[in-house]
Amino acid sequence: GVSPQTFLIKTRVQAACEALRNTGTPIGDIALDLGFYDQSSFTGHFRHHMGVTPLRYRRESQGIGN
């Protein structure tokens, strides 16, 4: 099992993935909308769970290179 905190973060990261793929919403706004303290906290959790930063994830999901 996973802790409630870990489950919540994973759920938020998955919602962020969808927003990053399907919207042009600024990353900072996505972070705050999903309940992260700030963009830095969001980026750290996102990178931990997804292996890339939110910006890189967005670019790769949209077929945009570095």
PDB file of N, CA and C in Angstrom:
ATOM      1  N   GLY A   1       0.827  -1.197   0.000  1.00  0.00           N
ATOM      2  CA  GLY A   1       0.000   0.000   0.000  1.00  0.00           C
ATOM      3  C   GLY A   1       0.858   1.242   0.000  1.00  0.00           C
ATOM      4  N   VAL A   2       0.213   2.332  -0.243  1.00  0.00           N
ATOM      5  CA  VAL A   2       0.881   3.635  -0.213  1.00  0.00           C
ATOM      6  C   VAL A   2       0.187   4.522   0.810  1.00  0.00           C
ATOM      7  N   SER A   3       0.919   5.482   1.315  1.00  0.00           N
ATOM      8  CA  SER A   3       0.340   6.403   2.289  1.00  0.00           C
ATOM      9  C   SER A   3      -0.669   7.314   1.597  1.00  0.00           C
ATOM     10  N   PRO A   4      -1.610   7.858   2.354  1.00  0.00           N
ATOM     11  CA  PRO A   4      -2.569   8.795   1.763  1.00  0.00           C
ATOM     12  C   PRO A   4      -1.872   9.991   1.097  1.00  0.00           C
ATOM     13  N   GLN A   5      -0.795  10.471   1.706  1.00  0.00           N
ATOM     14  CA  GLN A   5      -0.049  11.602   1.141  1.00  0.00           C
ATOM     15  C   GLN A   5       0.537  11.240  -0.226  1.00  0.00           C
ATOM     16  N   THR A   6       1.152  10.067  -0.319  1.00  0.00           N
ATOM     17  CA  THR A   6       1.735   9.621  -1.585  1.00  0.00           C
ATOM     18  C   THR A   6       0.655   9.430  -2.636  1.00  0.00           C
ATOM     19  N   PHE A   7      -0.454   8.838  -2.243  1.00  0.00           N
ATOM     20  CA  PHE A   7      -1.568   8.648  -3.170  1.00  0.00           C
ATOM     21  C   PHE A   7      -2.055   9.993  -3.703  1.00  0.00           C
ATOM     22  N   LEU A   8      -2.193  10.973  -2.816  1.00  0.00           N
ATOM     23  CA  LEU A   8      -2.661  12.298  -3.219  1.00  0.00           C
ATOM     24  C   LEU A   8      -1.691  12.945  -4.202  1.00  0.00           C
ATOM     25  N   ILE A   9      -0.407  12.867  -3.907  1.00  0.00           N
ATOM     26  CA  ILE A   9       0.587  13.470  -4.801  1.00  0.00           C
ATOM     27  C   ILE A   9       0.569  12.787  -6.161  1.00  0.00           C
ATOM     28  N   LYS A  10       0.514  11.451  -6.174  1.00  0.00           N
ATOM     29  CA  LYS A  10       0.470  10.734  -7.454  1.00  0.00           C
ATOM     30  C   LYS A  10      -0.771  11.117  -8.253  1.00  0.00           C
ATOM     31  N   THR A  11      -1.894  11.262  -7.578  1.00  0.00           N
ATOM     32  CA  THR A  11      -3.132  11.660  -8.249  1.00  0.00           C
ATOM     33  C   THR A  11      -2.995  13.057  -8.838  1.00  0.00           C
ATOM     34  N   ARG A  12      -2.396  13.961  -8.081  1.00  0.00           N
ATOM     35  CA  ARG A  12      -2.186  15.331  -8.571  1.00  0.00           C
ATOM     36  C   ARG A  12      -1.219  15.355  -9.755  1.00  0.00           C
ATOM     37  N   VAL A  13      -0.171  14.548  -9.683  1.00  0.00           N
ATOM     38  CA  VAL A  13       0.795  14.492 -10.789  1.00  0.00           C
ATOM     39  C   VAL A  13       0.121  13.959 -12.051  1.00  0.00           C
ATOM     40  N   GLN A  14      -0.728  12.955 -11.921  1.00  0.00           N
ATOM     41  CA  GLN A  14      -1.442  12.430 -13.093  1.00  0.00           C
ATOM     42  C   GLN A  14      -2.368  13.492 -13.686  1.00  0.00           C
ATOM     43  N   ALA A  15      -3.035  14.255 -12.833  1.00  0.00           N
ATOM     44  CA  ALA A  15      -3.885  15.343 -13.324  1.00  0.00           C
ATOM     45  C   ALA A  15      -3.033  16.399 -14.020  1.00  0.00           C
ATOM     46  N   ALA A  16      -1.847  16.649 -13.485  1.00  0.00           N
ATOM     47  CA  ALA A  16      -0.937  17.607 -14.110  1.00  0.00           C
ATOM     48  C   ALA A  16      -0.503  17.121 -15.485  1.00  0.00           C
ATOM     49  N   CYS A  17      -0.240  15.832 -15.614  1.00  0.00           N
ATOM     50  CA  CYS A  17       0.141  15.272 -16.914  1.00  0.00           C
ATOM     51  C   CYS A  17      -0.939  15.565 -17.949  1.00  0.00           C
ATOM     52  N   GLU A  18      -2.172  15.349 -17.570  1.00  0.00           N
ATOM     53  CA  GLU A  18      -3.271  15.609 -18.495  1.00  0.00           C
ATOM     54  C   GLU A  18      -3.329  17.087 -18.874  1.00  0.00           C
ATOM     55  N   ALA A  19      -3.190  17.961 -17.884  1.00  0.00           N
ATOM     56  CA  ALA A  19      -3.226  19.396 -18.160  1.00  0.00           C
ATOM     57  C   ALA A  19      -2.052  19.825 -19.035  1.00  0.00           C
ATOM     58  N   LEU A  20      -0.880  19.275 -18.776  1.00  0.00           N
ATOM     59  CA  LEU A  20       0.299  19.633 -19.565  1.00  0.00           C
ATOM     60  C   LEU A  20       0.165  19.176 -21.014  1.00  0.00           C
ATOM     61  N   ARG A  21      -0.437  18.014 -21.213  1.00  0.00           N
ATOM     62  CA  ARG A  21      -0.627  17.487 -22.573  1.00  0.00           C
ATOM     63  C   ARG A  21      -1.708  18.243 -23.335  1.00  0.00           C
ATOM     64  N   ASN A  22      -2.763  18.642 -22.650  1.00  0.00           N
ATOM     65  CA  ASN A  22      -3.975  19.083 -23.335  1.00  0.00           C
ATOM     66  C   ASN A  22      -4.319  20.554 -23.210  1.00  0.00           C
ATOM     67  N   THR A  23      -3.536  21.316 -22.459  1.00  0.00           N
ATOM     68  CA  THR A  23      -3.825  22.743 -22.319  1.00  0.00           C
ATOM     69  C   THR A  23      -2.547  23.546 -22.479  1.00  0.00           C
ATOM     70  N   GLY A  24      -2.702  24.828 -22.633  1.00  0.00           N
ATOM     71  CA  GLY A  24      -1.572  25.741 -22.658  1.00  0.00           C
ATOM     72  C   GLY A  24      -1.446  26.503 -21.353  1.00  0.00           C
ATOM     73  N   THR A  25      -2.126  26.026 -20.322  1.00  0.00           N
ATOM     74  CA  THR A  25      -2.101  26.685 -19.020  1.00  0.00           C
ATOM     75  C   THR A  25      -0.669  26.752 -18.496  1.00  0.00           C
ATOM     76  N   PRO A  26      -0.246  27.917 -17.998  1.00  0.00           N
ATOM     77  CA  PRO A  26       1.107  28.018 -17.449  1.00  0.00           C
ATOM     78  C   PRO A  26       1.347  26.989 -16.341  1.00  0.00           C
ATOM     79  N   ILE A  27       2.564  26.491 -16.277  1.00  0.00           N
ATOM     80  CA  ILE A  27       2.903  25.443 -15.314  1.00  0.00           C
ATOM     81  C   ILE A  27       2.657  25.900 -13.880  1.00  0.00           C
ATOM     82  N   GLY A  28       2.982  27.130 -13.572  1.00  0.00           N
ATOM     83  CA  GLY A  28       2.735  27.644 -12.220  1.00  0.00           C
ATOM     84  C   GLY A  28       1.262  27.622 -11.860  1.00  0.00           C
ATOM     85  N   ASP A  29       0.412  27.940 -12.820  1.00  0.00           N
ATOM     86  CA  ASP A  29      -1.033  27.905 -12.575  1.00  0.00           C
ATOM     87  C   ASP A  29      -1.517  26.475 -12.366  1.00  0.00           C
ATOM     88  N   ILE A  30      -0.993  25.543 -13.157  1.00  0.00           N
ATOM     89  CA  ILE A  30      -1.354  24.129 -12.975  1.00  0.00           C
ATOM     90  C   ILE A  30      -0.964  23.689 -11.566  1.00  0.00           C
ATOM     91  N   ALA A  31       0.239  24.045 -11.148  1.00  0.00           N
ATOM     92  CA  ALA A  31       0.719  23.663  -9.816  1.00  0.00           C
ATOM     93  C   ALA A  31      -0.234  24.152  -8.728  1.00  0.00           C
ATOM     94  N   LEU A  32      -0.585  25.419  -8.783  1.00  0.00           N
ATOM     95  CA  LEU A  32      -1.461  25.985  -7.757  1.00  0.00           C
ATOM     96  C   LEU A  32      -2.870  25.423  -7.852  1.00  0.00           C
ATOM     97  N   ASP A  33      -3.368  25.254  -9.073  1.00  0.00           N
ATOM     98  CA  ASP A  33      -4.715  24.699  -9.263  1.00  0.00           C
ATOM     99  C   ASP A  33      -4.838  23.298  -8.668  1.00  0.00           C
ATOM    100  N   LEU A  34      -3.746  22.539  -8.687  1.00  0.00           N
ATOM    101  CA  LEU A  34      -3.774  21.165  -8.185  1.00  0.00           C
ATOM    102  C   LEU A  34      -3.389  21.057  -6.710  1.00  0.00           C
ATOM    103  N   GLY A  35      -3.168  22.197  -6.069  1.00  0.00           N
ATOM    104  CA  GLY A  35      -2.949  22.192  -4.627  1.00  0.00           C
ATOM    105  C   GLY A  35      -1.510  22.104  -4.164  1.00  0.00           C
ATOM    106  N   PHE A  36      -0.553  22.266  -5.072  1.00  0.00           N
ATOM    107  CA  PHE A  36       0.840  22.298  -4.642  1.00  0.00           C
ATOM    108  C   PHE A  36       1.140  23.667  -4.050  1.00  0.00           C
ATOM    109  N   TYR A  37       2.094  23.709  -3.120  1.00  0.00           N
ATOM    110  CA  TYR A  37       2.418  24.943  -2.415  1.00  0.00           C
ATOM    111  C   TYR A  37       2.923  26.020  -3.373  1.00  0.00           C
ATOM    112  N   ASP A  38       3.773  25.628  -4.297  1.00  0.00           N
ATOM    113  CA  ASP A  38       4.301  26.553  -5.291  1.00  0.00           C
ATOM    114  C   ASP A  38       4.846  25.744  -6.469  1.00  0.00           C
ATOM    115  N   GLN A  39       5.327  26.441  -7.484  1.00  0.00           N
ATOM    116  CA  GLN A  39       5.812  25.759  -8.679  1.00  0.00           C
ATOM    117  C   GLN A  39       7.049  24.913  -8.380  1.00  0.00           C
ATOM    118  N   SER A  40       7.900  25.371  -7.490  1.00  0.00           N
ATOM    119  CA  SER A  40       9.108  24.621  -7.155  1.00  0.00           C
ATOM    120  C   SER A  40       8.762  23.278  -6.506  1.00  0.00           C
ATOM    121  N   SER A  41       7.835  23.294  -5.580  1.00  0.00           N
ATOM    122  CA  SER A  41       7.379  22.058  -4.934  1.00  0.00           C
ATOM    123  C   SER A  41       6.766  21.117  -5.964  1.00  0.00           C
ATOM    124  N   PHE A  42       5.939  21.671  -6.822  1.00  0.00           N
ATOM    125  CA  PHE A  42       5.311  20.885  -7.881  1.00  0.00           C
ATOM    126  C   PHE A  42       6.358  20.243  -8.783  1.00  0.00           C
ATOM    127  N   THR A  43       7.328  21.034  -9.221  1.00  0.00           N
ATOM    128  CA  THR A  43       8.363  20.524 -10.118  1.00  0.00           C
ATOM    129  C   THR A  43       9.139  19.384  -9.468  1.00  0.00           C
ATOM    130  N   GLY A  44       9.462  19.519  -8.188  1.00  0.00           N
ATOM    131  CA  GLY A  44      10.179  18.456  -7.484  1.00  0.00           C
ATOM    132  C   GLY A  44       9.382  17.161  -7.427  1.00  0.00           C
ATOM    133  N   HIS A  45       8.111  17.258  -7.067  1.00  0.00           N
ATOM    134  CA  HIS A  45       7.264  16.063  -7.012  1.00  0.00           C
ATOM    135  C   HIS A  45       7.063  15.477  -8.406  1.00  0.00           C
ATOM    136  N   PHE A  46       6.849  16.341  -9.385  1.00  0.00           N
ATOM    137  CA  PHE A  46       6.619  15.871 -10.753  1.00  0.00           C
ATOM    138  C   PHE A  46       7.844  15.115 -11.260  1.00  0.00           C
ATOM    139  N   ARG A  47       9.013  15.695 -11.074  1.00  0.00           N
ATOM    140  CA  ARG A  47      10.253  15.055 -11.531  1.00  0.00           C
ATOM    141  C   ARG A  47      10.469  13.719 -10.815  1.00  0.00           C
ATOM    142  N   HIS A  48      10.169  13.679  -9.530  1.00  0.00           N
ATOM    143  CA  HIS A  48      10.335  12.444  -8.761  1.00  0.00           C
ATOM    144  C   HIS A  48       9.459  11.323  -9.329  1.00  0.00           C
ATOM    145  N   HIS A  49       8.228  11.639  -9.669  1.00  0.00           N
ATOM    146  CA  HIS A  49       7.285  10.616 -10.131  1.00  0.00           C
ATOM    147  C   HIS A  49       7.361  10.340 -11.628  1.00  0.00           C
ATOM    148  N   MET A  50       7.717  11.342 -12.423  1.00  0.00           N
ATOM    149  CA  MET A  50       7.689  11.186 -13.878  1.00  0.00           C
ATOM    150  C   MET A  50       9.077  11.091 -14.508  1.00  0.00           C
ATOM    151  N   GLY A  51      10.114  11.468 -13.780  1.00  0.00           N
ATOM    152  CA  GLY A  51      11.473  11.365 -14.299  1.00  0.00           C
ATOM    153  C   GLY A  51      11.922  12.530 -15.163  1.00  0.00           C
ATOM    154  N   VAL A  52      11.038  13.490 -15.389  1.00  0.00           N
ATOM    155  CA  VAL A  52      11.361  14.696 -16.161  1.00  0.00           C
ATOM    156  C   VAL A  52      10.647  15.880 -15.522  1.00  0.00           C
ATOM    157  N   THR A  53      11.078  17.083 -15.884  1.00  0.00           N
ATOM    158  CA  THR A  53      10.396  18.272 -15.385  1.00  0.00           C
ATOM    159  C   THR A  53       9.062  18.453 -16.112  1.00  0.00           C
ATOM    160  N   PRO A  54       8.162  19.240 -15.530  1.00  0.00           N
ATOM    161  CA  PRO A  54       6.893  19.495 -16.214  1.00  0.00           C
ATOM    162  C   PRO A  54       7.079  20.120 -17.600  1.00  0.00           C
ATOM    163  N   LEU A  55       8.015  21.043 -17.730  1.00  0.00           N
ATOM    164  CA  LEU A  55       8.241  21.684 -19.028  1.00  0.00           C
ATOM    165  C   LEU A  55       8.713  20.668 -20.058  1.00  0.00           C
ATOM    166  N   ARG A  56       9.644  19.821 -19.675  1.00  0.00           N
ATOM    167  CA  ARG A  56      10.128  18.797 -20.615  1.00  0.00           C
ATOM    168  C   ARG A  56       9.006  17.830 -20.979  1.00  0.00           C
ATOM    169  N   TYR A  57       8.209  17.451 -19.995  1.00  0.00           N
ATOM    170  CA  TYR A  57       7.077  16.554 -20.256  1.00  0.00           C
ATOM    171  C   TYR A  57       6.133  17.190 -21.274  1.00  0.00           C
ATOM    172  N   ARG A  58       5.823  18.461 -21.078  1.00  0.00           N
ATOM    173  CA  ARG A  58       4.923  19.159 -22.010  1.00  0.00           C
ATOM    174  C   ARG A  58       5.522  19.176 -23.409  1.00  0.00           C
ATOM    175  N   ARG A  59       6.782  19.541 -23.505  1.00  0.00           N
ATOM    176  CA  ARG A  59       7.428  19.615 -24.824  1.00  0.00           C
ATOM    177  C   ARG A  59       7.462  18.253 -25.510  1.00  0.00           C
ATOM    178  N   GLU A  60       7.811  17.222 -24.764  1.00  0.00           N
ATOM    179  CA  GLU A  60       7.885  15.879 -25.352  1.00  0.00           C
ATOM    180  C   GLU A  60       6.505  15.369 -25.746  1.00  0.00           C
ATOM    181  N   SER A  61       5.496  15.667 -24.945  1.00  0.00           N
ATOM    182  CA  SER A  61       4.148  15.188 -25.259  1.00  0.00           C
ATOM    183  C   SER A  61       3.561  15.919 -26.460  1.00  0.00           C
ATOM    184  N   GLN A  62       4.084  17.106 -26.734  1.00  0.00           N
ATOM    185  CA  GLN A  62       3.611  17.881 -27.879  1.00  0.00           C
ATOM    186  C   GLN A  62       4.541  17.736 -29.079  1.00  0.00           C
ATOM    187  N   GLY A  63       5.555  16.884 -28.942  1.00  0.00           N
ATOM    188  CA  GLY A  63       6.476  16.645 -30.045  1.00  0.00           C
ATOM    189  C   GLY A  63       7.424  17.793 -30.317  1.00  0.00           C
ATOM    190  N   ILE A  64       7.686  18.586 -29.281  1.00  0.00           N
ATOM    191  CA  ILE A  64       8.583  19.734 -29.425  1.00  0.00           C
ATOM    192  C   ILE A  64       9.926  19.364 -28.801  1.00  0.00           C
ATOM    193  N   GLY A  65      11.008  19.579 -29.527  1.00  0.00           N
ATOM    194  CA  GLY A  65      12.341  19.270 -29.009  1.00  0.00           C
ATOM    195  C   GLY A  65      12.774  20.273 -27.973  1.00  0.00           C
ATOM    196  N   ASN A  66      13.996  20.093 -27.467  1.00  0.00           N
ATOM    197  CA  ASN A  66      14.523  21.002 -26.445  1.00  0.00           C
ATOM    198  C   ASN A  66      14.663  22.340 -27.024  1.00  0.00           C
TER     199      ASN A  66
END
